[in-house]
Protein backbone atom coordinates (compact mmCIF):
# COMPACT_ATOMS: atom_id res chain seq x y z
CA MET A 1 -2.38 -201.84 -71.26
CA LEU A 2 -5.45 -203.88 -71.93
CA VAL A 3 -7.19 -200.58 -72.08
CA GLY A 4 -5.17 -199.63 -75.12
CA LEU A 5 -6.10 -202.83 -76.81
CA ALA A 6 -9.71 -201.84 -76.64
CA MET A 7 -9.10 -198.52 -78.30
CA VAL A 8 -7.21 -200.17 -81.10
CA ALA A 9 -10.03 -202.57 -81.74
CA ALA A 10 -12.67 -199.86 -82.00
CA ALA A 11 -10.47 -198.09 -84.42
CA CYS A 12 -10.52 -201.15 -86.67
CA GLY A 13 -13.57 -201.06 -88.91
CA SER A 14 -15.09 -203.91 -90.86
CA GLY A 15 -17.99 -204.24 -93.23
CA SER A 16 -19.52 -206.51 -95.79
CA ASP A 17 -20.16 -205.71 -99.42
CA ASP A 18 -23.16 -206.82 -101.46
CA THR A 19 -22.97 -207.28 -105.21
CA SER A 20 -25.78 -206.93 -107.75
CA ASN A 21 -26.52 -209.69 -110.23
CA SER A 22 -27.55 -208.96 -113.82
CA SER A 23 -31.23 -208.80 -112.90
CA GLY A 24 -30.62 -206.06 -110.38
CA ASP A 25 -31.23 -208.27 -107.32
CA MET A 26 -28.84 -207.90 -104.42
CA GLN A 27 -27.06 -211.15 -103.83
CA SER A 28 -24.59 -211.86 -101.02
CA GLU A 29 -21.36 -213.42 -102.04
CA LYS A 30 -19.35 -215.64 -99.78
CA PRO A 31 -16.43 -213.51 -98.58
CA VAL A 32 -13.05 -214.56 -99.86
CA ALA A 33 -10.62 -215.27 -97.05
CA GLU A 34 -7.73 -212.83 -96.99
CA PRO A 35 -4.28 -214.43 -97.04
CA VAL A 36 -2.70 -214.58 -93.61
CA VAL A 37 0.20 -212.16 -93.19
CA TYR A 38 3.17 -213.06 -91.01
CA PRO A 39 6.04 -210.87 -89.81
CA ASP A 40 8.53 -213.05 -91.64
CA PRO A 41 11.27 -212.02 -91.38
CA ASP A 42 9.92 -208.78 -89.92
CA TRP A 43 6.72 -206.76 -89.60
CA MET A 44 5.39 -205.04 -92.70
CA GLU A 45 4.55 -201.42 -91.88
CA VAL A 46 1.24 -200.10 -93.21
CA ASP A 47 -0.70 -196.86 -93.03
CA PRO A 48 -3.14 -197.38 -90.13
CA GLU A 49 -6.04 -195.89 -92.09
CA SER A 50 -5.46 -198.38 -94.91
CA VAL A 51 -6.49 -201.15 -92.51
CA ALA A 52 -9.26 -199.14 -90.83
CA VAL A 53 -7.26 -198.18 -87.74
CA ASP A 54 -7.80 -194.66 -86.40
CA PRO A 55 -4.41 -192.89 -86.00
CA ALA A 56 -5.87 -190.77 -83.20
CA VAL A 57 -6.49 -193.87 -81.12
CA LEU A 58 -2.98 -195.09 -81.73
CA GLN A 59 -1.64 -191.71 -80.63
CA GLU A 60 -3.72 -191.96 -77.47
CA MET A 61 -2.01 -195.28 -76.71
CA ALA A 62 1.39 -193.78 -77.46
CA ASP A 63 0.75 -190.79 -75.19
CA LEU A 64 -0.26 -193.13 -72.38
CA ALA A 65 2.83 -195.28 -72.90
CA GLU A 66 5.15 -192.27 -72.98
CA ALA A 67 3.62 -190.78 -69.84
CA GLY A 68 4.22 -194.12 -68.12
CA GLY A 69 7.94 -194.07 -68.81
CA SER A 70 7.84 -196.73 -71.52
CA ASN A 71 10.80 -197.60 -73.69
CA CYS A 72 8.67 -198.77 -76.59
CA LEU A 73 5.19 -199.51 -77.87
CA VAL A 74 4.37 -201.64 -80.92
CA VAL A 75 0.81 -202.06 -82.21
CA THR A 76 -0.12 -204.57 -84.90
CA ARG A 77 -3.30 -205.68 -86.59
CA ASP A 78 -3.74 -208.85 -88.65
CA GLY A 79 -0.01 -209.38 -88.90
CA GLU A 80 0.89 -205.84 -89.99
CA LEU A 81 2.55 -203.05 -88.03
CA VAL A 82 0.24 -200.05 -87.65
CA GLY A 83 2.26 -198.05 -85.14
CA GLU A 84 5.46 -198.07 -83.09
CA TRP A 85 7.21 -195.62 -80.80
CA TYR A 86 10.52 -195.55 -78.92
CA TRP A 87 11.66 -193.42 -76.00
CA ASN A 88 14.52 -193.12 -73.52
CA GLY A 89 17.22 -193.56 -76.14
CA THR A 90 15.89 -196.92 -77.35
CA ASP A 91 15.17 -198.02 -80.90
CA VAL A 92 13.88 -201.00 -82.86
CA THR A 93 16.99 -203.04 -82.00
CA THR A 94 16.96 -202.36 -78.25
CA SER A 95 16.56 -205.52 -76.19
CA GLY A 96 15.19 -205.64 -72.67
CA GLU A 97 14.24 -208.16 -70.01
CA LEU A 98 10.71 -209.55 -70.04
CA PHE A 99 10.66 -210.51 -66.36
CA SER A 100 7.60 -212.70 -65.77
CA ALA A 101 6.44 -212.54 -69.37
CA THR A 102 9.21 -215.14 -69.62
CA LYS A 103 6.77 -217.59 -68.02
CA SER A 104 4.56 -217.53 -71.12
CA VAL A 105 7.61 -218.25 -73.30
CA THR A 106 8.41 -221.20 -71.03
CA SER A 107 4.84 -222.40 -71.51
CA ALA A 108 5.49 -222.39 -75.24
CA LEU A 109 8.55 -224.59 -74.75
CA VAL A 110 6.53 -227.08 -72.73
CA GLY A 111 3.91 -227.11 -75.47
CA ILE A 112 6.53 -227.76 -78.14
CA ALA A 113 8.08 -230.57 -76.09
CA SER A 114 4.63 -232.07 -75.61
CA ASP A 115 3.90 -231.89 -79.33
CA ARG A 116 7.20 -233.61 -80.05
CA GLY A 117 6.35 -236.45 -77.67
CA GLU A 118 9.20 -235.58 -75.32
CA LEU A 119 6.89 -235.14 -72.33
CA ASP A 120 3.23 -235.36 -71.34
CA ILE A 121 1.88 -232.48 -69.27
CA ASP A 122 -0.32 -234.87 -67.29
CA GLU A 123 2.56 -237.03 -66.11
CA PRO A 124 4.24 -236.43 -62.74
CA ALA A 125 7.11 -233.98 -62.84
CA SER A 126 8.91 -236.46 -60.56
CA LYS A 127 9.54 -238.55 -63.67
CA TYR A 128 12.16 -235.91 -64.48
CA ILE A 129 12.87 -234.53 -60.99
CA THR A 130 14.03 -237.66 -59.22
CA GLU A 131 14.45 -235.84 -55.90
CA TRP A 132 10.65 -235.72 -55.64
CA GLN A 133 10.17 -239.45 -56.00
CA GLY A 134 8.94 -240.98 -52.75
CA THR A 135 8.06 -237.55 -51.30
CA ASP A 136 4.85 -235.53 -50.95
CA SER A 137 5.71 -233.88 -54.28
CA GLU A 138 5.76 -237.17 -56.20
CA ASP A 139 2.30 -236.61 -57.70
CA VAL A 140 2.77 -232.98 -58.76
CA THR A 141 2.19 -232.97 -62.52
CA ILE A 142 3.68 -230.76 -65.18
CA ARG A 143 0.13 -229.43 -65.63
CA ASN A 144 0.16 -228.35 -61.97
CA LEU A 145 3.41 -226.45 -62.51
CA LEU A 146 1.97 -224.70 -65.57
CA SER A 147 -1.26 -223.86 -63.73
CA ASN A 148 0.34 -222.60 -60.50
CA ASP A 149 -1.68 -225.04 -58.42
CA SER A 150 1.22 -227.37 -57.63
CA GLY A 151 0.98 -226.78 -53.89
CA ARG A 152 4.75 -226.44 -53.70
CA GLU A 153 6.20 -224.48 -50.78
CA TRP A 154 5.76 -220.71 -51.11
CA SER A 155 6.27 -217.57 -49.07
CA PHE A 156 7.00 -214.06 -50.28
CA VAL A 157 10.49 -214.05 -48.77
CA THR A 158 11.36 -217.57 -49.94
CA ASP A 159 10.14 -216.92 -53.47
CA TYR A 160 11.22 -213.37 -54.22
CA VAL A 161 14.24 -212.94 -51.96
CA GLU A 162 15.85 -216.29 -51.19
CA MET A 163 15.22 -217.93 -54.55
CA ALA A 164 14.80 -215.17 -57.14
CA ALA A 165 17.31 -212.66 -55.78
CA LYS A 166 19.89 -214.70 -53.86
CA ALA A 167 20.06 -218.37 -54.84
CA PRO A 168 23.02 -219.00 -57.19
CA ASP A 169 21.47 -222.33 -58.24
CA LYS A 170 17.82 -221.37 -58.62
CA THR A 171 16.74 -224.73 -60.00
CA GLN A 172 18.19 -226.82 -57.16
CA PHE A 173 16.92 -224.35 -54.55
CA SER A 174 13.43 -224.66 -56.04
CA ILE A 175 13.55 -228.45 -56.25
CA ASP A 176 14.67 -228.69 -52.62
CA LEU A 177 11.67 -226.75 -51.26
CA GLY A 178 8.90 -228.78 -49.64
CA GLN A 179 5.29 -229.55 -50.46
CA GLN A 180 2.93 -227.11 -48.72
CA PHE A 181 -0.46 -228.22 -50.07
CA GLU A 182 -1.90 -231.16 -51.92
CA PRO A 183 -1.54 -230.58 -55.68
CA GLY A 184 -4.57 -228.93 -57.27
CA THR A 185 -6.01 -227.51 -54.04
CA GLU A 186 -4.38 -224.05 -53.77
CA TRP A 187 -3.45 -221.42 -56.38
CA GLU A 188 -0.28 -219.42 -55.83
CA TYR A 189 1.92 -217.43 -58.19
CA ASN A 190 4.94 -219.57 -57.41
CA ASN A 191 8.16 -218.55 -59.16
CA ALA A 192 10.13 -221.39 -57.61
CA ALA A 193 7.66 -224.02 -58.79
CA ILE A 194 7.89 -222.62 -62.33
CA GLN A 195 11.71 -222.64 -62.11
CA THR A 196 11.57 -226.42 -61.67
CA LEU A 197 10.36 -226.57 -65.29
CA ASP A 198 14.02 -225.95 -66.17
CA ALA A 199 14.84 -229.40 -64.80
CA VAL A 200 11.78 -230.97 -66.42
CA LEU A 201 12.54 -229.54 -69.85
CA GLU A 202 16.24 -230.32 -69.78
CA GLU A 203 15.70 -233.92 -68.68
CA ALA A 204 12.81 -234.50 -71.10
CA THR A 205 14.43 -232.94 -74.16
CA GLY A 206 18.12 -233.51 -73.47
CA MET A 207 18.76 -229.82 -74.16
CA ASP A 208 19.22 -226.66 -72.15
CA PRO A 209 15.86 -224.82 -72.39
CA GLY A 210 17.60 -221.76 -73.82
CA GLU A 211 19.12 -223.82 -76.63
CA TYR A 212 15.81 -225.60 -77.13
CA ALA A 213 14.08 -222.23 -77.49
CA GLN A 214 16.60 -221.11 -80.10
CA GLN A 215 16.08 -224.25 -82.16
CA TYR A 216 12.33 -224.66 -81.96
CA LEU A 217 10.84 -221.23 -81.11
CA PHE A 218 13.08 -218.18 -81.50
CA GLY A 219 14.88 -219.39 -84.61
CA PRO A 220 11.81 -220.42 -86.64
CA THR A 221 9.97 -217.17 -85.84
CA GLY A 222 13.02 -214.95 -86.31
CA MET A 223 12.86 -213.64 -82.74
CA ALA A 224 16.05 -212.00 -81.47
CA ALA A 225 15.52 -213.44 -78.00
CA GLU A 226 17.42 -215.50 -75.46
CA TYR A 227 17.04 -217.08 -72.05
CA GLY A 228 19.14 -215.87 -69.15
CA HIS A 229 21.00 -218.32 -66.92
CA ASP A 230 21.79 -218.33 -63.21
CA ALA A 231 25.27 -218.61 -61.68
CA ALA A 232 25.05 -222.41 -61.83
CA GLY A 233 24.28 -222.32 -65.56
CA ASN A 234 20.57 -223.14 -65.33
CA ALA A 235 18.13 -221.52 -67.73
CA ILE A 236 15.88 -219.20 -65.72
CA THR A 237 12.37 -220.21 -66.70
CA PHE A 238 10.31 -217.83 -64.54
CA PHE A 239 11.97 -214.59 -65.71
CA ASN A 240 15.03 -213.28 -67.58
CA VAL A 241 14.24 -213.84 -71.27
CA THR A 242 15.40 -210.77 -73.23
CA THR A 243 14.03 -209.54 -76.55
CA ASN A 244 12.85 -206.36 -78.30
CA CYS A 245 9.41 -204.83 -78.65
CA ARG A 246 8.78 -206.06 -82.20
CA ASP A 247 9.73 -209.62 -81.34
CA LEU A 248 7.64 -209.60 -78.18
CA ALA A 249 4.71 -208.73 -80.46
CA LYS A 250 5.73 -211.65 -82.69
CA PHE A 251 5.30 -213.98 -79.74
CA GLY A 252 1.80 -212.65 -79.12
CA TYR A 253 0.95 -213.01 -82.82
CA LEU A 254 2.17 -216.62 -82.83
CA TRP A 255 -0.36 -217.31 -80.08
CA MET A 256 -3.09 -215.38 -81.93
CA ARG A 257 -2.41 -217.61 -84.96
CA ASP A 258 -2.82 -220.77 -82.86
CA GLY A 259 0.87 -221.57 -83.02
CA GLU A 260 1.17 -221.43 -86.82
CA TRP A 261 3.86 -219.42 -88.58
CA ALA A 262 4.82 -218.55 -92.15
CA ASP A 263 4.46 -221.22 -94.86
CA GLY A 264 2.14 -223.21 -92.62
CA GLU A 265 4.84 -224.16 -90.14
CA GLN A 266 3.21 -225.27 -86.89
CA ILE A 267 5.59 -224.07 -84.17
CA VAL A 268 3.32 -225.33 -81.40
CA SER A 269 0.03 -227.17 -81.80
CA ALA A 270 -3.25 -225.28 -81.92
CA ASP A 271 -4.59 -227.63 -79.25
CA TYR A 272 -1.86 -226.62 -76.80
CA VAL A 273 -2.24 -222.91 -77.60
CA GLN A 274 -5.97 -223.02 -76.99
CA GLU A 275 -5.57 -224.96 -73.77
CA SER A 276 -2.91 -222.52 -72.58
CA VAL A 277 -5.31 -219.56 -72.84
CA THR A 278 -8.24 -221.38 -71.23
CA PRO A 279 -8.55 -221.32 -67.41
CA SER A 280 -6.37 -224.21 -66.29
CA THR A 281 -7.99 -224.59 -62.88
CA ASP A 282 -11.27 -223.64 -61.21
CA LEU A 283 -9.12 -222.01 -58.54
CA ASN A 284 -8.30 -219.08 -60.85
CA SER A 285 -10.27 -218.19 -63.97
CA ALA A 286 -7.70 -215.48 -64.80
CA TYR A 287 -4.89 -217.94 -65.44
CA GLY A 288 -4.10 -220.53 -68.08
CA PHE A 289 -0.76 -222.21 -68.65
CA LEU A 290 1.44 -219.28 -67.54
CA PHE A 291 -0.72 -216.75 -69.44
CA TRP A 292 -3.05 -214.18 -67.86
CA LEU A 293 -6.69 -214.34 -69.00
CA ASN A 294 -9.97 -212.48 -68.51
CA ALA A 295 -12.41 -215.37 -68.34
CA PRO A 296 -15.41 -215.36 -65.98
CA GLY A 297 -15.23 -217.32 -62.74
CA HIS A 298 -13.27 -216.98 -59.52
CA TRP A 299 -10.10 -214.97 -60.12
CA VAL A 300 -6.99 -214.63 -57.98
CA GLU A 301 -4.04 -212.25 -58.21
CA PRO A 302 -0.47 -212.98 -57.06
CA SER A 303 0.15 -212.73 -53.34
CA GLY A 304 2.24 -209.82 -52.13
CA PRO A 305 3.42 -208.70 -48.70
CA GLN A 306 -0.15 -207.59 -47.97
CA GLY A 307 -1.75 -210.85 -49.03
CA LYS A 308 -3.82 -212.05 -51.98
CA ALA A 309 -6.61 -210.30 -53.91
CA GLU A 310 -9.42 -212.38 -55.35
CA GLY A 311 -13.02 -212.10 -56.46
CA ASP A 312 -15.78 -213.44 -58.68
CA GLY A 313 -16.85 -212.55 -62.21
CA VAL A 314 -14.18 -211.41 -64.65
CA ARG A 315 -11.00 -209.83 -63.38
CA ASN A 316 -11.38 -206.83 -65.72
CA PRO A 317 -15.07 -206.14 -66.43
CA ASP A 318 -14.26 -203.55 -69.12
CA VAL A 319 -11.97 -205.91 -71.02
CA PRO A 320 -13.24 -208.36 -73.67
CA GLU A 321 -13.18 -211.89 -72.34
CA ASP A 322 -11.02 -213.19 -75.19
CA VAL A 323 -8.10 -210.89 -74.36
CA PHE A 324 -5.04 -212.61 -72.89
CA ARG A 325 -1.48 -211.55 -72.21
CA ALA A 326 2.07 -212.42 -71.29
CA SER A 327 2.96 -209.98 -68.55
CA GLY A 328 5.98 -209.08 -66.44
CA LEU A 329 7.31 -206.68 -63.82
CA GLY A 330 7.59 -203.07 -64.91
CA GLY A 331 4.87 -203.34 -67.53
CA GLN A 332 6.56 -205.74 -69.95
CA VAL A 333 3.60 -207.09 -71.87
CA SER A 334 2.34 -208.69 -75.04
CA VAL A 335 -1.43 -208.30 -75.18
CA VAL A 336 -3.51 -210.32 -77.63
CA TYR A 337 -7.08 -209.38 -78.63
CA PRO A 338 -8.07 -212.22 -81.01
CA SER A 339 -11.50 -210.97 -82.06
CA SER A 340 -10.02 -207.67 -83.28
CA GLY A 341 -6.80 -209.03 -84.80
CA VAL A 342 -4.79 -206.72 -82.56
CA VAL A 343 -1.55 -207.55 -80.76
CA PHE A 344 0.47 -204.91 -78.96
CA SER A 345 3.65 -205.02 -76.93
CA ARG A 346 5.04 -202.52 -74.46
CA MET A 347 8.35 -202.59 -72.61
CA GLY A 348 9.93 -200.26 -70.08
CA PRO A 349 12.38 -199.91 -67.20
CA SER A 350 11.77 -202.41 -64.42
CA ASP A 351 12.54 -199.87 -61.69
CA GLN A 352 9.56 -197.72 -62.62
CA GLN A 353 7.18 -198.98 -60.00
CA ASP A 354 4.78 -196.14 -60.73
CA ALA A 355 4.76 -197.10 -64.36
CA GLY A 356 4.99 -200.77 -63.81
CA ALA A 357 2.11 -199.40 -63.37
CA ILE A 358 1.09 -198.89 -66.85
CA PRO A 359 -0.87 -201.96 -66.12
CA ALA A 360 -2.22 -203.51 -69.26
CA ASP A 361 -5.68 -202.47 -68.14
CA ASP A 362 -4.86 -198.81 -68.66
CA PHE A 363 -4.80 -199.36 -72.40
CA MET A 364 -8.19 -201.02 -72.54
CA PRO A 365 -10.31 -198.02 -73.56
CA ALA A 366 -8.10 -197.60 -76.60
CA LEU A 367 -8.33 -201.30 -77.34
CA GLU A 368 -12.09 -201.18 -77.13
CA ALA A 369 -12.06 -198.27 -79.54
CA LEU A 370 -9.99 -200.27 -82.00
CA GLY A 371 -12.17 -203.35 -81.77
CA ALA A 372 -15.67 -202.05 -81.33
CA ASP A 373 -16.45 -201.75 -85.02
CA LEU A 374 -15.05 -205.20 -85.67
CA THR A 375 -17.16 -206.88 -83.02
CA ASP A 376 -20.33 -204.79 -83.42
CA GLY A 377 -23.26 -207.06 -84.16
CA ASN A 378 -21.19 -210.21 -83.69
CA ASP A 379 -21.73 -210.83 -80.01
């Protein structure tokens, strides 16, 4: 999918105009900042060519998405909708599960709670999870949980089968796991550790995280979204948020706009947004606070049954380094390309392992095409 972002960016052209003064000399004028457009209450649809987006590139993205079994694809630039497609009997109102893209939404809730003074991400999570007090997990910070370097107990079976698939009380199961490594020394994509943020948020804010999201995130941005809950009534913070393709793009645009929304409302602070899309640990340059990045350094991918992939450099050499994304199983994704003004979202059936597949990277050539003109000469 990141590949598509690239095409969209090259398809976006930009240029500067010179004006002549009365003596015939060419004189540069300071460009006037364009007013920021927000999808409030919904996206404004525009002709792609009117904002210098090549329709052929958009169609290339759509063809790729359709071939990958997608339910929907929404492409936006600078707060305006330049293309959207629906398949498999879905439409603009169809809601679907985000799976692990939920983690990025949970990051937003932590940022909002931090901004409101309800918690500090550098304080121990044991302040709110009393079961960890006096144990090896006592010093695990909220920052560690956001960064996936908490060192909390992890195995593929424990995380994906026993906790995610079977545990009726996912929060208590996750809290009761042990401490495997010293905090900050190992990176692991740990669903159970992230699920403990349910307990942190509820204790810190006095609200169920799903209700908190409605009041401080979904409501103010007009997102038709909601958190799922487990059999014990806990908000599921590592997956299970549901929304539609347009509103998933809204979430990406909120992050592109540094947490600001219509009428200057600051949903989450710019400082938190920027920190969330900066590598949060030297252990993995491809990860911020529950967002996937493409920054240079040592990158690590989630462990699977066959182990963990890692390397040095940037995770996706053909992807601009400023691209980041919220990403989930089955190709649920909101991809943000700040330097081109492009945000796109794609959703599809979770059981399409071939498509779930449609990794974001497959869209990158299109993204590059959309952004090339915008970034040309500005390296």
